[in-house]
Amino acid sequence: RPQSSARITISEGSCPERITTITGSTDAVFRAVSMIAFKLEEDLGAGSDGAAAGRAPVTLRLVIPASQCGSLIGKAGAKIREIRESTGAQVQVAGDLLPNSTERAVTVSGVPDTIIQCVRQICAVILESPPKGATIPYHPGLSLGTILLSANQVRACSPPRG
């Protein structure tokens, strides 16, 4: 928290995932996301036998209002293709809404540097295209690794440690 200057809270709960909410200036939120991505990579690497030949890929699942996904995809997929090519991250936009919500999952995979660049570009697109109509937020149940994005806030869902 002090290093990023962001406000970070983690939800209580007994389900397999918890929601982490990151609030602050755009820079503070990106510092926190960056630190989290590198920590996830470190934890993934620590789980291996040390013989892994390269960096462990990190996967985040962003949750974005469905009304903004068209802007993210772009005409004939041009915008998402541009994001993939410029960042080197793998990006997939789910076709279906998340349960009981008006939001869709956007899965981002790669090493932390590529994920951070990708999240920056995704945020730029959704900030330029505000959601249309009411957004019914997704409340996770049994899925893992979710980050919820809105303007200057990120909510991340991850399995509890322990």
N, C-alpha and C. Protein backbone atom coordinates (compact mmCIF):
# COMPACT_ATOMS: atom_id res chain seq x y z
N ARG A 1 0.82 -1.20 0.00
CA ARG A 1 0.00 0.00 0.00
C ARG A 1 0.86 1.26 0.00
N PRO A 2 1.82 1.38 0.92
CA PRO A 2 2.62 2.61 0.92
C PRO A 2 3.44 2.79 -0.36
N GLN A 3 3.95 1.72 -0.94
CA GLN A 3 4.78 1.83 -2.14
C GLN A 3 3.99 2.24 -3.36
N SER A 4 2.72 1.87 -3.42
CA SER A 4 1.91 2.20 -4.60
C SER A 4 1.10 3.48 -4.40
N SER A 5 0.89 3.89 -3.16
CA SER A 5 0.02 5.03 -2.82
C SER A 5 -1.44 4.74 -3.16
N ALA A 6 -1.78 3.48 -3.34
CA ALA A 6 -3.17 3.10 -3.64
C ALA A 6 -3.83 2.58 -2.36
N ARG A 7 -5.14 2.66 -2.33
CA ARG A 7 -5.91 2.07 -1.25
C ARG A 7 -6.27 0.67 -1.71
N ILE A 8 -5.90 -0.33 -0.93
CA ILE A 8 -6.11 -1.73 -1.32
C ILE A 8 -6.87 -2.43 -0.20
N THR A 9 -8.01 -3.03 -0.56
CA THR A 9 -8.78 -3.81 0.41
C THR A 9 -9.02 -5.20 -0.15
N ILE A 10 -9.13 -6.17 0.74
CA ILE A 10 -9.39 -7.55 0.35
C ILE A 10 -10.66 -7.98 1.06
N SER A 11 -11.61 -8.52 0.29
CA SER A 11 -12.90 -8.89 0.85
C SER A 11 -12.78 -10.08 1.81
N GLU A 12 -13.73 -10.13 2.70
CA GLU A 12 -13.88 -11.29 3.56
C GLU A 12 -14.71 -12.31 2.79
N GLY A 13 -14.64 -13.54 3.18
CA GLY A 13 -15.49 -14.52 2.53
C GLY A 13 -14.94 -15.91 2.65
N SER A 14 -15.84 -16.88 2.46
CA SER A 14 -15.42 -18.27 2.56
C SER A 14 -15.47 -18.97 1.21
N CYS A 15 -15.69 -18.22 0.13
CA CYS A 15 -15.70 -18.83 -1.20
C CYS A 15 -14.26 -19.01 -1.67
N PRO A 16 -14.04 -19.76 -2.76
CA PRO A 16 -12.68 -20.06 -3.21
C PRO A 16 -11.91 -18.84 -3.72
N GLU A 17 -12.55 -17.69 -3.84
CA GLU A 17 -11.82 -16.50 -4.28
C GLU A 17 -12.23 -15.30 -3.45
N ARG A 18 -11.33 -14.33 -3.41
CA ARG A 18 -11.57 -13.11 -2.66
C ARG A 18 -11.39 -11.94 -3.60
N ILE A 19 -12.06 -10.84 -3.34
CA ILE A 19 -11.97 -9.67 -4.19
C ILE A 19 -11.01 -8.67 -3.58
N THR A 20 -10.02 -8.28 -4.37
CA THR A 20 -9.09 -7.24 -3.97
C THR A 20 -9.48 -5.98 -4.73
N THR A 21 -9.74 -4.90 -4.01
CA THR A 21 -10.11 -3.64 -4.63
C THR A 21 -8.95 -2.66 -4.47
N ILE A 22 -8.52 -2.10 -5.60
CA ILE A 22 -7.42 -1.14 -5.61
C ILE A 22 -7.99 0.18 -6.09
N THR A 23 -7.87 1.22 -5.26
CA THR A 23 -8.45 2.52 -5.57
C THR A 23 -7.37 3.59 -5.45
N GLY A 24 -7.42 4.57 -6.35
CA GLY A 24 -6.48 5.68 -6.29
C GLY A 24 -6.34 6.33 -7.65
N SER A 25 -5.31 7.15 -7.77
CA SER A 25 -5.03 7.77 -9.07
C SER A 25 -4.67 6.67 -10.05
N THR A 26 -4.74 6.99 -11.33
CA THR A 26 -4.40 6.00 -12.36
C THR A 26 -2.98 5.48 -12.13
N ASP A 27 -2.04 6.38 -11.83
CA ASP A 27 -0.66 5.95 -11.59
C ASP A 27 -0.55 5.02 -10.38
N ALA A 28 -1.25 5.36 -9.31
CA ALA A 28 -1.20 4.53 -8.10
C ALA A 28 -1.78 3.15 -8.37
N VAL A 29 -2.90 3.10 -9.11
CA VAL A 29 -3.51 1.81 -9.43
C VAL A 29 -2.56 0.97 -10.28
N PHE A 30 -1.90 1.59 -11.27
CA PHE A 30 -0.98 0.83 -12.12
C PHE A 30 0.26 0.38 -11.36
N ARG A 31 0.72 1.19 -10.41
CA ARG A 31 1.86 0.75 -9.56
C ARG A 31 1.46 -0.48 -8.77
N ALA A 32 0.24 -0.45 -8.20
CA ALA A 32 -0.23 -1.60 -7.42
C ALA A 32 -0.41 -2.83 -8.30
N VAL A 33 -1.03 -2.66 -9.49
CA VAL A 33 -1.21 -3.80 -10.40
C VAL A 33 0.15 -4.36 -10.80
N SER A 34 1.11 -3.49 -11.06
CA SER A 34 2.46 -3.92 -11.42
C SER A 34 3.08 -4.75 -10.31
N MET A 35 2.99 -4.25 -9.10
CA MET A 35 3.57 -4.97 -7.96
C MET A 35 2.89 -6.32 -7.76
N ILE A 36 1.58 -6.35 -7.94
CA ILE A 36 0.84 -7.61 -7.79
C ILE A 36 1.24 -8.60 -8.88
N ALA A 37 1.35 -8.12 -10.12
CA ALA A 37 1.73 -9.02 -11.24
C ALA A 37 3.10 -9.63 -11.00
N PHE A 38 4.06 -8.81 -10.55
CA PHE A 38 5.40 -9.34 -10.28
C PHE A 38 5.40 -10.29 -9.09
N LYS A 39 4.57 -10.02 -8.09
CA LYS A 39 4.46 -10.93 -6.94
C LYS A 39 3.85 -12.26 -7.36
N LEU A 40 2.83 -12.21 -8.22
CA LEU A 40 2.24 -13.46 -8.72
C LEU A 40 3.27 -14.28 -9.48
N GLU A 41 4.07 -13.60 -10.32
CA GLU A 41 5.11 -14.30 -11.07
C GLU A 41 6.11 -14.94 -10.11
N GLU A 42 6.49 -14.20 -9.10
CA GLU A 42 7.44 -14.71 -8.10
C GLU A 42 6.88 -15.95 -7.40
N ASP A 43 5.60 -15.87 -7.01
CA ASP A 43 4.95 -17.00 -6.34
C ASP A 43 4.83 -18.21 -7.26
N LEU A 44 4.53 -17.97 -8.55
CA LEU A 44 4.44 -19.07 -9.51
C LEU A 44 5.80 -19.73 -9.70
N GLY A 45 6.86 -18.92 -9.77
CA GLY A 45 8.21 -19.45 -9.92
C GLY A 45 8.66 -20.23 -8.71
N ALA A 46 8.24 -19.78 -7.53
CA ALA A 46 8.62 -20.46 -6.29
C ALA A 46 7.96 -21.83 -6.19
N GLY A 47 6.84 -22.01 -6.90
CA GLY A 47 6.14 -23.29 -6.87
C GLY A 47 6.78 -24.34 -7.75
N SER A 48 7.73 -23.93 -8.60
CA SER A 48 8.38 -24.89 -9.49
C SER A 48 9.62 -25.46 -8.82
N ASP A 49 10.27 -26.38 -9.50
CA ASP A 49 11.46 -27.00 -8.92
C ASP A 49 12.72 -26.17 -9.17
N GLY A 50 12.54 -24.96 -9.70
CA GLY A 50 13.69 -24.09 -9.95
C GLY A 50 14.34 -24.35 -11.29
N ALA A 51 13.90 -25.36 -12.01
CA ALA A 51 14.53 -25.71 -13.28
C ALA A 51 13.78 -25.12 -14.47
N ALA A 52 12.78 -24.30 -14.20
CA ALA A 52 12.01 -23.71 -15.29
C ALA A 52 12.90 -22.82 -16.14
N ALA A 53 12.80 -22.99 -17.44
CA ALA A 53 13.68 -22.24 -18.35
C ALA A 53 13.01 -20.96 -18.80
N GLY A 54 12.77 -20.01 -18.01
CA GLY A 54 12.12 -18.78 -18.45
C GLY A 54 11.19 -18.30 -17.37
N ARG A 55 10.50 -17.22 -17.68
CA ARG A 55 9.61 -16.63 -16.69
C ARG A 55 8.25 -17.30 -16.73
N ALA A 56 7.67 -17.44 -15.55
CA ALA A 56 6.35 -18.06 -15.45
C ALA A 56 5.29 -17.09 -15.97
N PRO A 57 4.40 -17.56 -16.86
CA PRO A 57 3.34 -16.67 -17.33
C PRO A 57 2.32 -16.43 -16.22
N VAL A 58 1.80 -15.23 -16.18
CA VAL A 58 0.78 -14.84 -15.21
C VAL A 58 -0.51 -14.64 -15.98
N THR A 59 -1.63 -15.07 -15.41
CA THR A 59 -2.93 -14.88 -16.05
C THR A 59 -3.83 -14.11 -15.10
N LEU A 60 -4.42 -13.04 -15.62
CA LEU A 60 -5.41 -12.26 -14.88
C LEU A 60 -6.71 -12.30 -15.66
N ARG A 61 -7.81 -12.27 -14.95
CA ARG A 61 -9.10 -12.20 -15.62
C ARG A 61 -9.74 -10.89 -15.22
N LEU A 62 -9.84 -9.99 -16.18
CA LEU A 62 -10.45 -8.68 -15.97
C LEU A 62 -11.95 -8.80 -16.19
N VAL A 63 -12.70 -8.04 -15.45
CA VAL A 63 -14.15 -8.05 -15.62
C VAL A 63 -14.57 -6.65 -16.04
N ILE A 64 -15.17 -6.57 -17.24
CA ILE A 64 -15.48 -5.30 -17.87
C ILE A 64 -16.96 -5.29 -18.27
N PRO A 65 -17.66 -4.17 -18.09
CA PRO A 65 -19.06 -4.11 -18.55
C PRO A 65 -19.16 -4.51 -20.02
N ALA A 66 -20.12 -5.34 -20.33
CA ALA A 66 -20.30 -5.85 -21.69
C ALA A 66 -20.47 -4.71 -22.70
N SER A 67 -21.06 -3.60 -22.28
CA SER A 67 -21.28 -2.49 -23.19
C SER A 67 -19.98 -1.82 -23.64
N GLN A 68 -18.87 -2.09 -22.94
CA GLN A 68 -17.57 -1.53 -23.31
C GLN A 68 -16.72 -2.52 -24.11
N CYS A 69 -17.13 -3.76 -24.18
CA CYS A 69 -16.32 -4.78 -24.86
C CYS A 69 -16.24 -4.57 -26.36
N GLY A 70 -17.27 -4.00 -26.96
CA GLY A 70 -17.22 -3.72 -28.40
C GLY A 70 -16.10 -2.75 -28.73
N SER A 71 -15.91 -1.73 -27.89
CA SER A 71 -14.80 -0.78 -28.11
C SER A 71 -13.46 -1.46 -27.93
N LEU A 72 -13.39 -2.38 -26.98
CA LEU A 72 -12.15 -3.10 -26.73
C LEU A 72 -11.81 -4.03 -27.90
N ILE A 73 -12.80 -4.67 -28.45
CA ILE A 73 -12.57 -5.57 -29.59
C ILE A 73 -12.27 -4.77 -30.85
N GLY A 74 -13.04 -3.71 -31.08
CA GLY A 74 -12.85 -2.87 -32.26
C GLY A 74 -13.49 -3.47 -33.49
N LYS A 75 -13.55 -2.68 -34.56
CA LYS A 75 -14.16 -3.13 -35.80
C LYS A 75 -13.38 -4.31 -36.37
N ALA A 76 -14.07 -5.42 -36.57
CA ALA A 76 -13.48 -6.67 -37.09
C ALA A 76 -12.30 -7.14 -36.24
N GLY A 77 -12.31 -6.81 -34.92
CA GLY A 77 -11.25 -7.26 -34.03
C GLY A 77 -9.96 -6.47 -34.13
N ALA A 78 -10.00 -5.30 -34.78
CA ALA A 78 -8.78 -4.53 -35.01
C ALA A 78 -8.14 -4.02 -33.73
N LYS A 79 -8.93 -3.53 -32.77
CA LYS A 79 -8.36 -2.94 -31.55
C LYS A 79 -7.69 -4.00 -30.68
N ILE A 80 -8.37 -5.11 -30.48
CA ILE A 80 -7.79 -6.15 -29.63
C ILE A 80 -6.55 -6.76 -30.29
N ARG A 81 -6.57 -6.86 -31.61
CA ARG A 81 -5.39 -7.35 -32.33
C ARG A 81 -4.21 -6.39 -32.14
N GLU A 82 -4.49 -5.07 -32.22
CA GLU A 82 -3.46 -4.06 -32.00
C GLU A 82 -2.87 -4.18 -30.59
N ILE A 83 -3.73 -4.39 -29.59
CA ILE A 83 -3.27 -4.53 -28.21
C ILE A 83 -2.40 -5.78 -28.07
N ARG A 84 -2.83 -6.88 -28.64
CA ARG A 84 -2.04 -8.12 -28.59
C ARG A 84 -0.66 -7.91 -29.21
N GLU A 85 -0.64 -7.30 -30.42
CA GLU A 85 0.62 -7.13 -31.14
C GLU A 85 1.55 -6.14 -30.45
N SER A 86 1.02 -5.06 -29.90
CA SER A 86 1.88 -4.04 -29.30
C SER A 86 2.40 -4.44 -27.92
N THR A 87 1.68 -5.33 -27.21
CA THR A 87 2.11 -5.71 -25.86
C THR A 87 2.75 -7.09 -25.80
N GLY A 88 2.39 -7.96 -26.71
CA GLY A 88 2.88 -9.34 -26.65
C GLY A 88 2.08 -10.20 -25.68
N ALA A 89 1.04 -9.63 -25.08
CA ALA A 89 0.20 -10.40 -24.15
C ALA A 89 -0.86 -11.18 -24.94
N GLN A 90 -1.31 -12.27 -24.37
CA GLN A 90 -2.44 -13.00 -24.93
C GLN A 90 -3.69 -12.39 -24.31
N VAL A 91 -4.67 -12.04 -25.15
CA VAL A 91 -5.90 -11.40 -24.68
C VAL A 91 -7.10 -12.10 -25.31
N GLN A 92 -8.05 -12.50 -24.49
CA GLN A 92 -9.28 -13.13 -24.98
C GLN A 92 -10.47 -12.47 -24.30
N VAL A 93 -11.47 -12.08 -25.09
CA VAL A 93 -12.72 -11.53 -24.55
C VAL A 93 -13.77 -12.62 -24.62
N ALA A 94 -14.36 -12.95 -23.48
CA ALA A 94 -15.39 -13.99 -23.44
C ALA A 94 -16.63 -13.52 -24.19
N GLY A 95 -17.28 -14.45 -24.85
CA GLY A 95 -18.49 -14.12 -25.59
C GLY A 95 -19.72 -14.00 -24.70
N ASP A 96 -19.71 -14.72 -23.59
CA ASP A 96 -20.88 -14.76 -22.71
C ASP A 96 -20.72 -13.82 -21.52
N LEU A 97 -21.86 -13.39 -21.00
CA LEU A 97 -21.85 -12.58 -19.77
C LEU A 97 -21.47 -13.47 -18.59
N LEU A 98 -20.87 -12.87 -17.59
CA LEU A 98 -20.59 -13.59 -16.36
C LEU A 98 -21.92 -13.79 -15.62
N PRO A 99 -22.01 -14.83 -14.81
CA PRO A 99 -23.28 -15.16 -14.15
C PRO A 99 -23.89 -13.99 -13.38
N ASN A 100 -25.18 -13.80 -13.58
CA ASN A 100 -25.97 -12.80 -12.85
C ASN A 100 -25.42 -11.38 -12.96
N SER A 101 -24.83 -11.04 -14.11
CA SER A 101 -24.26 -9.71 -14.28
C SER A 101 -24.40 -9.25 -15.72
N THR A 102 -23.98 -8.01 -15.96
CA THR A 102 -23.92 -7.49 -17.33
C THR A 102 -22.46 -7.27 -17.71
N GLU A 103 -21.57 -8.08 -17.16
CA GLU A 103 -20.14 -7.95 -17.41
C GLU A 103 -19.59 -9.19 -18.09
N ARG A 104 -18.47 -9.00 -18.78
CA ARG A 104 -17.79 -10.10 -19.49
C ARG A 104 -16.35 -10.20 -18.99
N ALA A 105 -15.80 -11.39 -19.08
CA ALA A 105 -14.41 -11.62 -18.67
C ALA A 105 -13.47 -11.35 -19.83
N VAL A 106 -12.36 -10.71 -19.52
CA VAL A 106 -11.27 -10.51 -20.48
C VAL A 106 -10.03 -11.13 -19.84
N THR A 107 -9.53 -12.20 -20.44
CA THR A 107 -8.38 -12.91 -19.89
C THR A 107 -7.10 -12.38 -20.53
N VAL A 108 -6.14 -12.02 -19.68
CA VAL A 108 -4.86 -11.47 -20.11
C VAL A 108 -3.77 -12.37 -19.55
N SER A 109 -2.88 -12.88 -20.43
CA SER A 109 -1.80 -13.76 -19.99
C SER A 109 -0.47 -13.30 -20.57
N GLY A 110 0.58 -13.51 -19.80
CA GLY A 110 1.93 -13.19 -20.24
C GLY A 110 2.83 -12.95 -19.05
N VAL A 111 4.02 -12.45 -19.31
CA VAL A 111 4.90 -12.08 -18.20
C VAL A 111 4.42 -10.74 -17.67
N PRO A 112 4.77 -10.38 -16.43
CA PRO A 112 4.25 -9.15 -15.84
C PRO A 112 4.40 -7.90 -16.71
N ASP A 113 5.53 -7.71 -17.36
CA ASP A 113 5.71 -6.51 -18.18
C ASP A 113 4.64 -6.41 -19.27
N THR A 114 4.35 -7.53 -19.93
CA THR A 114 3.36 -7.50 -21.01
C THR A 114 1.95 -7.32 -20.45
N ILE A 115 1.67 -7.94 -19.31
CA ILE A 115 0.35 -7.79 -18.69
C ILE A 115 0.11 -6.35 -18.28
N ILE A 116 1.11 -5.71 -17.70
CA ILE A 116 0.96 -4.33 -17.25
C ILE A 116 0.70 -3.42 -18.45
N GLN A 117 1.45 -3.58 -19.53
CA GLN A 117 1.21 -2.78 -20.74
C GLN A 117 -0.19 -3.03 -21.28
N CYS A 118 -0.60 -4.29 -21.29
CA CYS A 118 -1.91 -4.65 -21.80
C CYS A 118 -3.03 -4.04 -20.95
N VAL A 119 -2.92 -4.13 -19.63
CA VAL A 119 -3.94 -3.56 -18.74
C VAL A 119 -4.00 -2.04 -18.94
N ARG A 120 -2.86 -1.39 -19.12
CA ARG A 120 -2.85 0.06 -19.39
C ARG A 120 -3.66 0.38 -20.66
N GLN A 121 -3.42 -0.40 -21.72
CA GLN A 121 -4.12 -0.14 -22.97
C GLN A 121 -5.61 -0.44 -22.86
N ILE A 122 -5.96 -1.51 -22.17
CA ILE A 122 -7.37 -1.84 -21.96
C ILE A 122 -8.06 -0.73 -21.18
N CYS A 123 -7.40 -0.23 -20.14
CA CYS A 123 -7.97 0.86 -19.34
C CYS A 123 -8.16 2.11 -20.19
N ALA A 124 -7.19 2.41 -21.04
CA ALA A 124 -7.31 3.59 -21.91
C ALA A 124 -8.54 3.47 -22.79
N VAL A 125 -8.78 2.28 -23.34
CA VAL A 125 -9.94 2.07 -24.21
C VAL A 125 -11.24 2.22 -23.42
N ILE A 126 -11.33 1.60 -22.25
CA ILE A 126 -12.60 1.66 -21.52
C ILE A 126 -12.84 3.04 -20.91
N LEU A 127 -11.77 3.78 -20.62
CA LEU A 127 -11.96 5.15 -20.12
C LEU A 127 -12.51 6.06 -21.22
N GLU A 128 -12.17 5.78 -22.48
CA GLU A 128 -12.66 6.57 -23.61
C GLU A 128 -14.09 6.18 -24.00
N SER A 129 -14.54 5.03 -23.54
CA SER A 129 -15.86 4.52 -23.91
C SER A 129 -16.63 4.15 -22.65
N PRO A 130 -17.30 5.13 -22.02
CA PRO A 130 -18.01 4.83 -20.77
C PRO A 130 -19.09 3.77 -20.97
N PRO A 131 -19.41 3.03 -19.91
CA PRO A 131 -20.45 2.00 -20.04
C PRO A 131 -21.80 2.63 -20.38
N LYS A 132 -22.60 1.89 -21.13
CA LYS A 132 -23.94 2.35 -21.50
C LYS A 132 -24.96 1.60 -20.65
N GLY A 133 -25.89 2.34 -20.09
CA GLY A 133 -26.91 1.71 -19.26
C GLY A 133 -26.37 1.29 -17.90
N ALA A 134 -27.21 0.61 -17.15
CA ALA A 134 -26.82 0.16 -15.81
C ALA A 134 -25.91 -1.06 -15.92
N THR A 135 -24.92 -1.10 -15.04
CA THR A 135 -24.04 -2.26 -14.97
C THR A 135 -24.40 -3.07 -13.73
N ILE A 136 -24.70 -4.32 -13.94
CA ILE A 136 -24.93 -5.23 -12.82
C ILE A 136 -23.61 -5.94 -12.58
N PRO A 137 -22.94 -5.64 -11.45
CA PRO A 137 -21.60 -6.19 -11.23
C PRO A 137 -21.61 -7.70 -11.00
N TYR A 138 -20.52 -8.29 -11.43
CA TYR A 138 -20.31 -9.72 -11.22
C TYR A 138 -19.81 -9.95 -9.80
N HIS A 139 -20.40 -10.90 -9.13
CA HIS A 139 -19.94 -11.32 -7.81
C HIS A 139 -19.45 -12.75 -7.96
N PRO A 140 -18.15 -12.96 -7.80
CA PRO A 140 -17.57 -14.28 -8.07
C PRO A 140 -18.12 -15.36 -7.16
N GLY A 141 -18.14 -16.54 -7.76
CA GLY A 141 -18.53 -17.72 -7.01
C GLY A 141 -17.37 -18.68 -6.98
N LEU A 142 -17.27 -19.52 -8.02
CA LEU A 142 -16.25 -20.55 -8.02
C LEU A 142 -15.13 -20.33 -9.02
N SER A 143 -15.12 -19.19 -9.73
CA SER A 143 -14.05 -18.94 -10.69
C SER A 143 -12.85 -18.32 -9.99
N LEU A 144 -11.67 -18.41 -10.63
CA LEU A 144 -10.45 -17.94 -9.98
C LEU A 144 -9.77 -16.84 -10.79
N GLY A 145 -9.04 -15.97 -10.11
CA GLY A 145 -8.15 -15.01 -10.73
C GLY A 145 -8.81 -13.85 -11.45
N THR A 146 -9.80 -13.23 -10.85
CA THR A 146 -10.53 -12.15 -11.51
C THR A 146 -10.06 -10.78 -11.05
N ILE A 147 -9.96 -9.85 -12.00
CA ILE A 147 -9.74 -8.44 -11.65
C ILE A 147 -10.87 -7.63 -12.26
N LEU A 148 -11.52 -6.81 -11.46
CA LEU A 148 -12.60 -5.97 -11.92
C LEU A 148 -12.06 -4.57 -12.12
N LEU A 149 -12.26 -4.00 -13.31
CA LEU A 149 -11.72 -2.68 -13.63
C LEU A 149 -12.82 -1.66 -13.81
N SER A 150 -12.60 -0.47 -13.27
CA SER A 150 -13.46 0.66 -13.59
C SER A 150 -12.66 1.92 -13.32
N ALA A 151 -12.68 2.83 -14.24
CA ALA A 151 -11.98 4.13 -14.18
C ALA A 151 -10.69 4.06 -13.35
N ASN A 152 -10.73 4.53 -12.09
CA ASN A 152 -9.50 4.55 -11.30
C ASN A 152 -9.53 3.50 -10.20
N GLN A 153 -10.19 2.38 -10.48
CA GLN A 153 -10.31 1.34 -9.47
C GLN A 153 -10.15 -0.02 -10.10
N VAL A 154 -9.48 -0.92 -9.42
CA VAL A 154 -9.35 -2.30 -9.86
C VAL A 154 -9.80 -3.18 -8.71
N ARG A 155 -10.64 -4.16 -9.01
CA ARG A 155 -11.04 -5.15 -8.00
C ARG A 155 -10.53 -6.48 -8.49
N ALA A 156 -9.71 -7.13 -7.72
CA ALA A 156 -9.11 -8.39 -8.14
C ALA A 156 -9.62 -9.51 -7.26
N CYS A 157 -9.91 -10.63 -7.89
CA CYS A 157 -10.34 -11.81 -7.15
C CYS A 157 -9.27 -12.87 -7.26
N SER A 158 -8.88 -13.41 -6.14
CA SER A 158 -7.88 -14.46 -6.17
C SER A 158 -8.20 -15.45 -5.07
N PRO A 159 -7.69 -16.69 -5.22
CA PRO A 159 -7.97 -17.68 -4.20
C PRO A 159 -7.30 -17.29 -2.89
N PRO A 160 -7.92 -17.62 -1.78
CA PRO A 160 -7.29 -17.31 -0.50
C PRO A 160 -6.02 -18.11 -0.30
N ARG A 161 -5.07 -17.53 0.41
CA ARG A 161 -3.83 -18.24 0.69
C ARG A 161 -4.01 -19.09 1.93
N GLY A 162 -3.23 -20.12 2.01
CA GLY A 162 -3.28 -20.87 3.25
C GLY A 162 -3.39 -22.28 2.97
